[in-house]
Amino acid sequence: KIQQSIINILHNAIKYTQEEGAIKVELYKENDFAAIKIEDN
């Protein structure tokens, strides 16, 4: 289910980014949390 939630957000990033756009995904530790950042232009 966690994977599906991340896929939903990635799908939106792909859908709303133009063909030559960029999507960046970062995974890092922030205190006691795993952080996943999905950034599009």
PDB file of all heavy atoms in Angstrom:
ATOM      1  N   LYS A   1       0.826  -1.209   0.000  1.00  0.00           N
ATOM      2  CA  LYS A   1       0.000   0.000   0.000  1.00  0.00           C
ATOM      3  C   LYS A   1       0.866   1.267   0.000  1.00  0.00           C
ATOM      4  O   LYS A   1       0.542   2.240  -0.663  1.00  0.00           O
ATOM      5  CB  LYS A   1      -0.960  -0.012   1.187  1.00  0.00           C
ATOM      6  CG  LYS A   1      -2.125  -0.966   0.988  1.00  0.00           C
ATOM      7  CD  LYS A   1      -3.209  -0.708   1.991  1.00  0.00           C
ATOM      8  CE  LYS A   1      -4.477  -1.475   1.795  1.00  0.00           C
ATOM      9  NZ  LYS A   1      -4.462  -2.688   1.043  1.00  0.00           N
ATOM     10  N   ILE A   2       1.965   1.242   0.746  1.00  0.00           N
ATOM     11  CA  ILE A   2       2.887   2.384   0.736  1.00  0.00           C
ATOM     12  C   ILE A   2       3.447   2.570  -0.669  1.00  0.00           C
ATOM     13  O   ILE A   2       3.509   3.684  -1.191  1.00  0.00           O
ATOM     14  CB  ILE A   2       4.011   2.196   1.778  1.00  0.00           C
ATOM     15  CG1 ILE A   2       3.422   2.285   3.191  1.00  0.00           C
ATOM     16  CG2 ILE A   2       5.105   3.240   1.579  1.00  0.00           C
ATOM     17  CD1 ILE A   2       4.382   1.903   4.288  1.00  0.00           C
ATOM     18  N   GLN A   3       3.835   1.466  -1.291  1.00  0.00           N
ATOM     19  CA  GLN A   3       4.337   1.532  -2.666  1.00  0.00           C
ATOM     20  C   GLN A   3       3.281   2.125  -3.601  1.00  0.00           C
ATOM     21  O   GLN A   3       3.589   2.963  -4.442  1.00  0.00           O
ATOM     22  CB  GLN A   3       4.736   0.123  -3.129  1.00  0.00           C
ATOM     23  CG  GLN A   3       5.280   0.081  -4.533  1.00  0.00           C
ATOM     24  CD  GLN A   3       5.690  -1.323  -4.943  1.00  0.00           C
ATOM     25  OE1 GLN A   3       5.883  -2.211  -4.124  1.00  0.00           O
ATOM     26  NE2 GLN A   3       5.800  -1.531  -6.229  1.00  0.00           N
ATOM     27  N   GLN A   4       2.033   1.704  -3.441  1.00  0.00           N
ATOM     28  CA  GLN A   4       0.965   2.224  -4.292  1.00  0.00           C
ATOM     29  C   GLN A   4       0.769   3.725  -4.087  1.00  0.00           C
ATOM     30  O   GLN A   4       0.532   4.455  -5.047  1.00  0.00           O
ATOM     31  CB  GLN A   4      -0.353   1.482  -4.028  1.00  0.00           C
ATOM     32  CG  GLN A   4      -1.455   1.857  -4.988  1.00  0.00           C
ATOM     33  CD  GLN A   4      -1.075   1.604  -6.443  1.00  0.00           C
ATOM     34  OE1 GLN A   4      -0.634   0.521  -6.803  1.00  0.00           O
ATOM     35  NE2 GLN A   4      -1.227   2.609  -7.292  1.00  0.00           N
ATOM     36  N   SER A   5       0.898   4.198  -2.855  1.00  0.00           N
ATOM     37  CA  SER A   5       0.734   5.633  -2.616  1.00  0.00           C
ATOM     38  C   SER A   5       1.846   6.425  -3.297  1.00  0.00           C
ATOM     39  O   SER A   5       1.603   7.489  -3.872  1.00  0.00           O
ATOM     40  CB  SER A   5       0.654   5.943  -1.120  1.00  0.00           C
ATOM     41  OG  SER A   5       1.868   5.655  -0.487  1.00  0.00           O
ATOM     42  N   ILE A   6       3.062   5.902  -3.274  1.00  0.00           N
ATOM     43  CA  ILE A   6       4.182   6.571  -3.951  1.00  0.00           C
ATOM     44  C   ILE A   6       3.969   6.543  -5.463  1.00  0.00           C
ATOM     45  O   ILE A   6       4.207   7.543  -6.150  1.00  0.00           O
ATOM     46  CB  ILE A   6       5.516   5.914  -3.532  1.00  0.00           C
ATOM     47  CG1 ILE A   6       5.765   6.159  -2.044  1.00  0.00           C
ATOM     48  CG2 ILE A   6       6.671   6.451  -4.375  1.00  0.00           C
ATOM     49  CD1 ILE A   6       6.847   5.304  -1.429  1.00  0.00           C
ATOM     50  N   ILE A   7       3.501   5.411  -5.980  1.00  0.00           N
ATOM     51  CA  ILE A   7       3.212   5.305  -7.421  1.00  0.00           C
ATOM     52  C   ILE A   7       2.150   6.314  -7.827  1.00  0.00           C
ATOM     53  O   ILE A   7       2.254   6.937  -8.897  1.00  0.00           O
ATOM     54  CB  ILE A   7       2.809   3.860  -7.782  1.00  0.00           C
ATOM     55  CG1 ILE A   7       4.037   2.953  -7.703  1.00  0.00           C
ATOM     56  CG2 ILE A   7       2.171   3.802  -9.178  1.00  0.00           C
ATOM     57  CD1 ILE A   7       3.729   1.470  -7.786  1.00  0.00           C
ATOM     58  N   ASN A   8       1.120   6.512  -7.005  1.00  0.00           N
ATOM     59  CA  ASN A   8       0.072   7.507  -7.314  1.00  0.00           C
ATOM     60  C   ASN A   8       0.678   8.896  -7.474  1.00  0.00           C
ATOM     61  O   ASN A   8       0.334   9.632  -8.407  1.00  0.00           O
ATOM     62  CB  ASN A   8      -0.989   7.541  -6.212  1.00  0.00           C
ATOM     63  CG  ASN A   8      -1.973   6.400  -6.289  1.00  0.00           C
ATOM     64  OD1 ASN A   8      -2.065   5.699  -7.283  1.00  0.00           O
ATOM     65  ND2 ASN A   8      -2.699   6.190  -5.211  1.00  0.00           N
ATOM     66  N   ILE A   9       1.574   9.263  -6.579  1.00  0.00           N
ATOM     67  CA  ILE A   9       2.188  10.590  -6.637  1.00  0.00           C
ATOM     68  C   ILE A   9       3.117  10.690  -7.847  1.00  0.00           C
ATOM     69  O   ILE A   9       3.125  11.698  -8.559  1.00  0.00           O
ATOM     70  CB  ILE A   9       2.907  10.901  -5.315  1.00  0.00           C
ATOM     71  CG1 ILE A   9       1.858  10.997  -4.191  1.00  0.00           C
ATOM     72  CG2 ILE A   9       3.714  12.195  -5.415  1.00  0.00           C
ATOM     73  CD1 ILE A   9       2.413  10.939  -2.813  1.00  0.00           C
ATOM     74  N   LEU A  10       3.892   9.636  -8.111  1.00  0.00           N
ATOM     75  CA  LEU A  10       4.759   9.617  -9.297  1.00  0.00           C
ATOM     76  C   LEU A  10       3.937   9.714 -10.579  1.00  0.00           C
ATOM     77  O   LEU A  10       4.317  10.414 -11.515  1.00  0.00           O
ATOM     78  CB  LEU A  10       5.602   8.340  -9.318  1.00  0.00           C
ATOM     79  CG  LEU A  10       6.856   8.346  -8.478  1.00  0.00           C
ATOM     80  CD1 LEU A  10       7.448   6.943  -8.387  1.00  0.00           C
ATOM     81  CD2 LEU A  10       7.875   9.320  -9.040  1.00  0.00           C
ATOM     82  N   HIS A  11       2.830   9.012 -10.616  1.00  0.00           N
ATOM     83  CA  HIS A  11       1.956   9.040 -11.795  1.00  0.00           C
ATOM     84  C   HIS A  11       1.483  10.466 -12.067  1.00  0.00           C
ATOM     85  O   HIS A  11       1.485  10.921 -13.218  1.00  0.00           O
ATOM     86  CB  HIS A  11       0.776   8.091 -11.591  1.00  0.00           C
ATOM     87  CG  HIS A  11      -0.183   8.072 -12.738  1.00  0.00           C
ATOM     88  ND1 HIS A  11       0.111   7.477 -13.939  1.00  0.00           N
ATOM     89  CD2 HIS A  11      -1.420   8.600 -12.862  1.00  0.00           C
ATOM     90  CE1 HIS A  11      -0.918   7.635 -14.764  1.00  0.00           C
ATOM     91  NE2 HIS A  11      -1.855   8.308 -14.129  1.00  0.00           N
ATOM     92  N   ASN A  12       1.095  11.183 -11.017  1.00  0.00           N
ATOM     93  CA  ASN A  12       0.680  12.588 -11.188  1.00  0.00           C
ATOM     94  C   ASN A  12       1.839  13.438 -11.702  1.00  0.00           C
ATOM     95  O   ASN A  12       1.652  14.294 -12.571  1.00  0.00           O
ATOM     96  CB  ASN A  12       0.163  13.169  -9.874  1.00  0.00           C
ATOM     97  CG  ASN A  12      -1.261  12.774  -9.587  1.00  0.00           C
ATOM     98  OD1 ASN A  12      -1.937  12.164 -10.405  1.00  0.00           O
ATOM     99  ND2 ASN A  12      -1.720  13.119  -8.405  1.00  0.00           N
ATOM    100  N   ALA A  13       3.033  13.221 -11.157  1.00  0.00           N
ATOM    101  CA  ALA A  13       4.201  13.990 -11.601  1.00  0.00           C
ATOM    102  C   ALA A  13       4.434  13.776 -13.092  1.00  0.00           C
ATOM    103  O   ALA A  13       4.677  14.731 -13.839  1.00  0.00           O
ATOM    104  CB  ALA A  13       5.437  13.594 -10.797  1.00  0.00           C
ATOM    105  N   ILE A  14       4.320  12.537 -13.532  1.00  0.00           N
ATOM    106  CA  ILE A  14       4.504  12.228 -14.954  1.00  0.00           C
ATOM    107  C   ILE A  14       3.394  12.870 -15.789  1.00  0.00           C
ATOM    108  O   ILE A  14       3.651  13.473 -16.831  1.00  0.00           O
ATOM    109  CB  ILE A  14       4.542  10.700 -15.171  1.00  0.00           C
ATOM    110  CG1 ILE A  14       5.803  10.117 -14.516  1.00  0.00           C
ATOM    111  CG2 ILE A  14       4.464  10.350 -16.654  1.00  0.00           C
ATOM    112  CD1 ILE A  14       5.778   8.611 -14.352  1.00  0.00           C
ATOM    113  N   LYS A  15       2.163  12.753 -15.304  1.00  0.00           N
ATOM    114  CA  LYS A  15       1.010  13.235 -16.060  1.00  0.00           C
ATOM    115  C   LYS A  15       1.038  14.753 -16.248  1.00  0.00           C
ATOM    116  O   LYS A  15       0.627  15.253 -17.292  1.00  0.00           O
ATOM    117  CB  LYS A  15      -0.264  12.804 -15.325  1.00  0.00           C
ATOM    118  CG  LYS A  15      -1.539  13.118 -16.064  1.00  0.00           C
ATOM    119  CD  LYS A  15      -2.753  12.346 -15.564  1.00  0.00           C
ATOM    120  CE  LYS A  15      -3.035  12.422 -14.104  1.00  0.00           C
ATOM    121  NZ  LYS A  15      -4.348  11.831 -13.760  1.00  0.00           N
ATOM    122  N   TYR A  16       1.539  15.490 -15.257  1.00  0.00           N
ATOM    123  CA  TYR A  16       1.467  16.954 -15.312  1.00  0.00           C
ATOM    124  C   TYR A  16       2.808  17.627 -15.618  1.00  0.00           C
ATOM    125  O   TYR A  16       2.957  18.824 -15.434  1.00  0.00           O
ATOM    126  CB  TYR A  16       0.868  17.501 -14.012  1.00  0.00           C
ATOM    127  CG  TYR A  16      -0.566  17.071 -13.848  1.00  0.00           C
ATOM    128  CD1 TYR A  16      -0.949  16.190 -12.842  1.00  0.00           C
ATOM    129  CD2 TYR A  16      -1.546  17.515 -14.727  1.00  0.00           C
ATOM    130  CE1 TYR A  16      -2.262  15.775 -12.706  1.00  0.00           C
ATOM    131  CE2 TYR A  16      -2.864  17.109 -14.602  1.00  0.00           C
ATOM    132  CZ  TYR A  16      -3.214  16.239 -13.589  1.00  0.00           C
ATOM    133  OH  TYR A  16      -4.511  15.833 -13.468  1.00  0.00           O
ATOM    134  N   THR A  17       3.772  16.833 -16.095  1.00  0.00           N
ATOM    135  CA  THR A  17       5.056  17.392 -16.505  1.00  0.00           C
ATOM    136  C   THR A  17       5.161  17.257 -18.022  1.00  0.00           C
ATOM    137  O   THR A  17       4.872  16.198 -18.565  1.00  0.00           O
ATOM    138  CB  THR A  17       6.223  16.651 -15.813  1.00  0.00           C
ATOM    139  OG1 THR A  17       6.082  16.833 -14.396  1.00  0.00           O
ATOM    140  CG2 THR A  17       7.566  17.204 -16.232  1.00  0.00           C
ATOM    141  N   GLN A  18       5.577  18.331 -18.674  1.00  0.00           N
ATOM    142  CA  GLN A  18       5.678  18.305 -20.123  1.00  0.00           C
ATOM    143  C   GLN A  18       6.717  17.275 -20.578  1.00  0.00           C
ATOM    144  O   GLN A  18       7.534  16.820 -19.808  1.00  0.00           O
ATOM    145  CB  GLN A  18       6.000  19.626 -20.750  1.00  0.00           C
ATOM    146  CG  GLN A  18       6.337  20.910 -20.168  1.00  0.00           C
ATOM    147  CD  GLN A  18       6.333  21.248 -18.737  1.00  0.00           C
ATOM    148  OE1 GLN A  18       5.767  20.605 -17.873  1.00  0.00           O
ATOM    149  NE2 GLN A  18       7.003  22.322 -18.445  1.00  0.00           N
ATOM    150  N   GLU A  19       6.679  16.957 -21.870  1.00  0.00           N
ATOM    151  CA  GLU A  19       7.515  15.888 -22.416  1.00  0.00           C
ATOM    152  C   GLU A  19       9.003  16.084 -22.139  1.00  0.00           C
ATOM    153  O   GLU A  19       9.712  15.140 -21.856  1.00  0.00           O
ATOM    154  CB  GLU A  19       7.277  15.782 -23.923  1.00  0.00           C
ATOM    155  CG  GLU A  19       7.732  14.465 -24.491  1.00  0.00           C
ATOM    156  CD  GLU A  19       7.259  14.252 -25.906  1.00  0.00           C
ATOM    157  OE1 GLU A  19       6.047  14.405 -26.154  1.00  0.00           O
ATOM    158  OE2 GLU A  19       8.112  13.947 -26.746  1.00  0.00           O
ATOM    159  N   GLU A  20       9.488  17.300 -22.217  1.00  0.00           N
ATOM    160  CA  GLU A  20      10.913  17.560 -21.973  1.00  0.00           C
ATOM    161  C   GLU A  20      11.188  17.946 -20.514  1.00  0.00           C
ATOM    162  O   GLU A  20      12.284  18.387 -20.193  1.00  0.00           O
ATOM    163  CB  GLU A  20      11.420  18.675 -22.906  1.00  0.00           C
ATOM    164  CG  GLU A  20      11.302  18.337 -24.381  1.00  0.00           C
ATOM    165  CD  GLU A  20      12.131  17.113 -24.779  1.00  0.00           C
ATOM    166  OE1 GLU A  20      13.269  16.987 -24.313  1.00  0.00           O
ATOM    167  OE2 GLU A  20      11.601  16.286 -25.547  1.00  0.00           O
ATOM    168  N   GLY A  21      10.199  17.784 -19.655  1.00  0.00           N
ATOM    169  CA  GLY A  21      10.351  18.152 -18.249  1.00  0.00           C
ATOM    170  C   GLY A  21      11.184  17.143 -17.486  1.00  0.00           C
ATOM    171  O   GLY A  21      11.690  16.165 -18.033  1.00  0.00           O
ATOM    172  N   ALA A  22      11.327  17.385 -16.189  1.00  0.00           N
ATOM    173  CA  ALA A  22      12.131  16.510 -15.336  1.00  0.00           C
ATOM    174  C   ALA A  22      11.381  16.181 -14.050  1.00  0.00           C
ATOM    175  O   ALA A  22      10.645  17.012 -13.516  1.00  0.00           O
ATOM    176  CB  ALA A  22      13.454  17.189 -15.004  1.00  0.00           C
ATOM    177  N   ILE A  23      11.586  14.965 -13.574  1.00  0.00           N
ATOM    178  CA  ILE A  23      11.040  14.518 -12.292  1.00  0.00           C
ATOM    179  C   ILE A  23      12.212  13.967 -11.494  1.00  0.00           C
ATOM    180  O   ILE A  23      12.996  13.161 -11.993  1.00  0.00           O
ATOM    181  CB  ILE A  23       9.954  13.443 -12.496  1.00  0.00           C
ATOM    182  CG1 ILE A  23       8.790  14.028 -13.287  1.00  0.00           C
ATOM    183  CG2 ILE A  23       9.493  12.903 -11.144  1.00  0.00           C
ATOM    184  CD1 ILE A  23       7.859  12.994 -13.853  1.00  0.00           C
ATOM    185  N   LYS A  24      12.337  14.453 -10.272  1.00  0.00           N
ATOM    186  CA  LYS A  24      13.441  14.024  -9.412  1.00  0.00           C
ATOM    187  C   LYS A  24      12.853  13.327  -8.192  1.00  0.00           C
ATOM    188  O   LYS A  24      11.915  13.832  -7.573  1.00  0.00           O
ATOM    189  CB  LYS A  24      14.266  15.249  -8.996  1.00  0.00           C
ATOM    190  CG  LYS A  24      15.489  14.915  -8.170  1.00  0.00           C
ATOM    191  CD  LYS A  24      16.449  16.086  -8.073  1.00  0.00           C
ATOM    192  CE  LYS A  24      16.011  17.055  -7.016  1.00  0.00           C
ATOM    193  NZ  LYS A  24      16.985  18.117  -6.732  1.00  0.00           N
ATOM    194  N   VAL A  25      13.390  12.158  -7.867  1.00  0.00           N
ATOM    195  CA  VAL A  25      12.955  11.409  -6.692  1.00  0.00           C
ATOM    196  C   VAL A  25      14.164  11.261  -5.771  1.00  0.00           C
ATOM    197  O   VAL A  25      15.231  10.833  -6.209  1.00  0.00           O
ATOM    198  CB  VAL A  25      12.414  10.017  -7.086  1.00  0.00           C
ATOM    199  CG1 VAL A  25      11.989   9.244  -5.842  1.00  0.00           C
ATOM    200  CG2 VAL A  25      11.250  10.146  -8.066  1.00  0.00           C
ATOM    201  N   GLU A  26      13.975  11.659  -4.527  1.00  0.00           N
ATOM    202  CA  GLU A  26      15.043  11.538  -3.527  1.00  0.00           C
ATOM    203  C   GLU A  26      14.548  10.688  -2.370  1.00  0.00           C
ATOM    204  O   GLU A  26      13.391  10.786  -1.971  1.00  0.00           O
ATOM    205  CB  GLU A  26      15.417  12.909  -2.962  1.00  0.00           C
ATOM    206  CG  GLU A  26      16.099  13.848  -3.915  1.00  0.00           C
ATOM    207  CD  GLU A  26      16.411  15.167  -3.228  1.00  0.00           C
ATOM    208  OE1 GLU A  26      17.297  15.180  -2.344  1.00  0.00           O
ATOM    209  OE2 GLU A  26      15.752  16.164  -3.558  1.00  0.00           O
ATOM    210  N   LEU A  27      15.429   9.891  -1.839  1.00  0.00           N
ATOM    211  CA  LEU A  27      15.153   9.106  -0.638  1.00  0.00           C
ATOM    212  C   LEU A  27      16.274   9.396   0.345  1.00  0.00           C
ATOM    213  O   LEU A  27      17.453   9.274   0.013  1.00  0.00           O
ATOM    214  CB  LEU A  27      15.100   7.613  -0.979  1.00  0.00           C
ATOM    215  CG  LEU A  27      14.893   6.651   0.189  1.00  0.00           C
ATOM    216  CD1 LEU A  27      13.546   6.886   0.844  1.00  0.00           C
ATOM    217  CD2 LEU A  27      14.997   5.221  -0.302  1.00  0.00           C
ATOM    218  N   TYR A  28      15.910   9.811   1.554  1.00  0.00           N
ATOM    219  CA  TYR A  28      16.919  10.133   2.549  1.00  0.00           C
ATOM    220  C   TYR A  28      16.334   9.954   3.941  1.00  0.00           C
ATOM    221  O   TYR A  28      15.122   9.790   4.105  1.00  0.00           O
ATOM    222  CB  TYR A  28      17.459  11.564   2.363  1.00  0.00           C
ATOM    223  CG  TYR A  28      16.402  12.640   2.347  1.00  0.00           C
ATOM    224  CD1 TYR A  28      16.073  13.339   3.505  1.00  0.00           C
ATOM    225  CD2 TYR A  28      15.712  12.957   1.174  1.00  0.00           C
ATOM    226  CE1 TYR A  28      15.103  14.314   3.498  1.00  0.00           C
ATOM    227  CE2 TYR A  28      14.733  13.938   1.159  1.00  0.00           C
ATOM    228  CZ  TYR A  28      14.433  14.617   2.320  1.00  0.00           C
ATOM    229  OH  TYR A  28      13.450  15.583   2.303  1.00  0.00           O
ATOM    230  N   LYS A  29      17.206   9.983   4.946  1.00  0.00           N
ATOM    231  CA  LYS A  29      16.774   9.850   6.338  1.00  0.00           C
ATOM    232  C   LYS A  29      16.672  11.241   6.945  1.00  0.00           C
ATOM    233  O   LYS A  29      17.563  12.073   6.775  1.00  0.00           O
ATOM    234  CB  LYS A  29      17.778   9.002   7.105  1.00  0.00           C
ATOM    235  CG  LYS A  29      17.343   8.725   8.526  1.00  0.00           C
ATOM    236  CD  LYS A  29      18.325   7.811   9.235  1.00  0.00           C
ATOM    237  CE  LYS A  29      17.832   7.598  10.659  1.00  0.00           C
ATOM    238  NZ  LYS A  29      18.847   7.042  11.526  1.00  0.00           N
ATOM    239  N   GLU A  30      15.572  11.484   7.621  1.00  0.00           N
ATOM    240  CA  GLU A  30      15.368  12.746   8.333  1.00  0.00           C
ATOM    241  C   GLU A  30      14.931  12.403   9.752  1.00  0.00           C
ATOM    242  O   GLU A  30      13.788  12.000   9.976  1.00  0.00           O
ATOM    243  CB  GLU A  30      14.304  13.578   7.609  1.00  0.00           C
ATOM    244  CG  GLU A  30      14.174  14.989   8.143  1.00  0.00           C
ATOM    245  CD  GLU A  30      13.272  15.836   7.264  1.00  0.00           C
ATOM    246  OE1 GLU A  30      13.640  16.103   6.108  1.00  0.00           O
ATOM    247  OE2 GLU A  30      12.191  16.212   7.757  1.00  0.00           O
ATOM    248  N   ASN A  31      15.845  12.530  10.697  1.00  0.00           N
ATOM    249  CA  ASN A  31      15.625  12.107  12.081  1.00  0.00           C
ATOM    250  C   ASN A  31      15.231  10.628  12.093  1.00  0.00           C
ATOM    251  O   ASN A  31      15.977   9.814  11.603  1.00  0.00           O
ATOM    252  CB  ASN A  31      14.598  13.011  12.778  1.00  0.00           C
ATOM    253  CG  ASN A  31      15.074  14.459  12.830  1.00  0.00           C
ATOM    254  OD1 ASN A  31      16.240  14.722  13.099  1.00  0.00           O
ATOM    255  ND2 ASN A  31      14.181  15.387  12.543  1.00  0.00           N
ATOM    256  N   ASP A  32      14.059  10.291  12.638  1.00  0.00           N
ATOM    257  CA  ASP A  32      13.632   8.886  12.700  1.00  0.00           C
ATOM    258  C   ASP A  32      12.689   8.525  11.556  1.00  0.00           C
ATOM    259  O   ASP A  32      11.900   7.587  11.672  1.00  0.00           O
ATOM    260  CB  ASP A  32      12.948   8.612  14.040  1.00  0.00           C
ATOM    261  CG  ASP A  32      13.926   8.706  15.202  1.00  0.00           C
ATOM    262  OD1 ASP A  32      15.128   8.453  14.994  1.00  0.00           O
ATOM    263  OD2 ASP A  32      13.488   9.049  16.319  1.00  0.00           O
ATOM    264  N   PHE A  33      12.749   9.280  10.470  1.00  0.00           N
ATOM    265  CA  PHE A  33      11.852   9.059   9.343  1.00  0.00           C
ATOM    266  C   PHE A  33      12.625   8.778   8.057  1.00  0.00           C
ATOM    267  O   PHE A  33      13.702   9.337   7.839  1.00  0.00           O
ATOM    268  CB  PHE A  33      10.975  10.296   9.101  1.00  0.00           C
ATOM    269  CG  PHE A  33       9.975  10.540  10.187  1.00  0.00           C
ATOM    270  CD1 PHE A  33      10.308  11.303  11.295  1.00  0.00           C
ATOM    271  CD2 PHE A  33       8.699  10.005  10.115  1.00  0.00           C
ATOM    272  CE1 PHE A  33       9.394  11.532  12.309  1.00  0.00           C
ATOM    273  CE2 PHE A  33       7.782  10.230  11.120  1.00  0.00           C
ATOM    274  CZ  PHE A  33       8.120  10.991  12.220  1.00  0.00           C
ATOM    275  N   ALA A  34      12.050   7.925   7.230  1.00  0.00           N
ATOM    276  CA  ALA A  34      12.504   7.796   5.854  1.00  0.00           C
ATOM    277  C   ALA A  34      11.745   8.865   5.076  1.00  0.00           C
ATOM    278  O   ALA A  34      10.520   8.968   5.185  1.00  0.00           O
ATOM    279  CB  ALA A  34      12.172   6.417   5.305  1.00  0.00           C
ATOM    280  N   ALA A  35      12.457   9.684   4.349  1.00  0.00           N
ATOM    281  CA  ALA A  35      11.837  10.760   3.576  1.00  0.00           C
ATOM    282  C   ALA A  35      11.914  10.422   2.095  1.00  0.00           C
ATOM    283  O   ALA A  35      12.963   9.984   1.597  1.00  0.00           O
ATOM    284  CB  ALA A  35      12.536  12.084   3.855  1.00  0.00           C
ATOM    285  N   ILE A  36      10.804  10.603   1.415  1.00  0.00           N
ATOM    286  CA  ILE A  36      10.734  10.409  -0.027  1.00  0.00           C
ATOM    287  C   ILE A  36      10.251  11.732  -0.606  1.00  0.00           C
ATOM    288  O   ILE A  36       9.166  12.208  -0.254  1.00  0.00           O
ATOM    289  CB  ILE A  36       9.759   9.279  -0.408  1.00  0.00           C
ATOM    290  CG1 ILE A  36      10.183   7.978   0.270  1.00  0.00           C
ATOM    291  CG2 ILE A  36       9.673   9.114  -1.920  1.00  0.00           C
ATOM    292  CD1 ILE A  36       9.050   7.132   0.729  1.00  0.00           C
ATOM    293  N   LYS A  37      11.073  12.328  -1.450  1.00  0.00           N
ATOM    294  CA  LYS A  37      10.713  13.613  -2.061  1.00  0.00           C
ATOM    295  C   LYS A  37      10.553  13.391  -3.562  1.00  0.00           C
ATOM    296  O   LYS A  37      11.445  12.841  -4.214  1.00  0.00           O
ATOM    297  CB  LYS A  37      11.797  14.653  -1.788  1.00  0.00           C
ATOM    298  CG  LYS A  37      11.437  16.051  -2.284  1.00  0.00           C
ATOM    299  CD  LYS A  37      12.553  17.037  -2.046  1.00  0.00           C
ATOM    300  CE  LYS A  37      12.529  17.485  -0.601  1.00  0.00           C
ATOM    301  NZ  LYS A  37      13.388  18.658  -0.359  1.00  0.00           N
ATOM    302  N   ILE A  38       9.396  13.794  -4.085  1.00  0.00           N
ATOM    303  CA  ILE A  38       9.106  13.676  -5.512  1.00  0.00           C
ATOM    304  C   ILE A  38       8.872  15.083  -6.034  1.00  0.00           C
ATOM    305  O   ILE A  38       7.917  15.750  -5.634  1.00  0.00           O
ATOM    306  CB  ILE A  38       7.873  12.783  -5.758  1.00  0.00           C
ATOM    307  CG1 ILE A  38       8.139  11.373  -5.197  1.00  0.00           C
ATOM    308  CG2 ILE A  38       7.532  12.738  -7.255  1.00  0.00           C
ATOM    309  CD1 ILE A  38       6.922  10.494  -5.104  1.00  0.00           C
ATOM    310  N   GLU A  39       9.776  15.518  -6.905  1.00  0.00           N
ATOM    311  CA  GLU A  39       9.762  16.901  -7.382  1.00  0.00           C
ATOM    312  C   GLU A  39       9.659  16.911  -8.905  1.00  0.00           C
ATOM    313  O   GLU A  39      10.375  16.170  -9.583  1.00  0.00           O
ATOM    314  CB  GLU A  39      11.072  17.563  -6.941  1.00  0.00           C
ATOM    315  CG  GLU A  39      11.225  18.998  -7.325  1.00  0.00           C
ATOM    316  CD  GLU A  39      12.545  19.579  -6.816  1.00  0.00           C
ATOM    317  OE1 GLU A  39      13.260  18.897  -6.054  1.00  0.00           O
ATOM    318  OE2 GLU A  39      12.847  20.713  -7.199  1.00  0.00           O
ATOM    319  N   ASP A  40       8.743  17.735  -9.428  1.00  0.00           N
ATOM    320  CA  ASP A  40       8.631  17.863 -10.882  1.00  0.00           C
ATOM    321  C   ASP A  40       8.716  19.334 -11.267  1.00  0.00           C
ATOM    322  O   ASP A  40       8.593  20.206 -10.424  1.00  0.00           O
ATOM    323  CB  ASP A  40       7.337  17.217 -11.403  1.00  0.00           C
ATOM    324  CG  ASP A  40       6.069  17.952 -10.975  1.00  0.00           C
ATOM    325  OD1 ASP A  40       5.941  19.167 -11.263  1.00  0.00           O
ATOM    326  OD2 ASP A  40       5.192  17.317 -10.374  1.00  0.00           O
ATOM    327  N   ASN A  41       8.938  19.583 -12.544  1.00  0.00           N
ATOM    328  CA  ASN A  41       8.932  20.961 -13.032  1.00  0.00           C
ATOM    329  C   ASN A  41       7.770  21.150 -14.004  1.00  0.00           C
ATOM    330  O   ASN A  41       7.885  21.811 -15.022  1.00  0.00           O
ATOM    331  CB  ASN A  41      10.284  21.359 -13.642  1.00  0.00           C
ATOM    332  CG  ASN A  41      10.643  20.556 -14.881  1.00  0.00           C
ATOM    333  OD1 ASN A  41       9.951  19.615 -15.250  1.00  0.00           O
ATOM    334  ND2 ASN A  41      11.733  20.917 -15.513  1.00  0.00           N
TER     335      ASN A  41
END
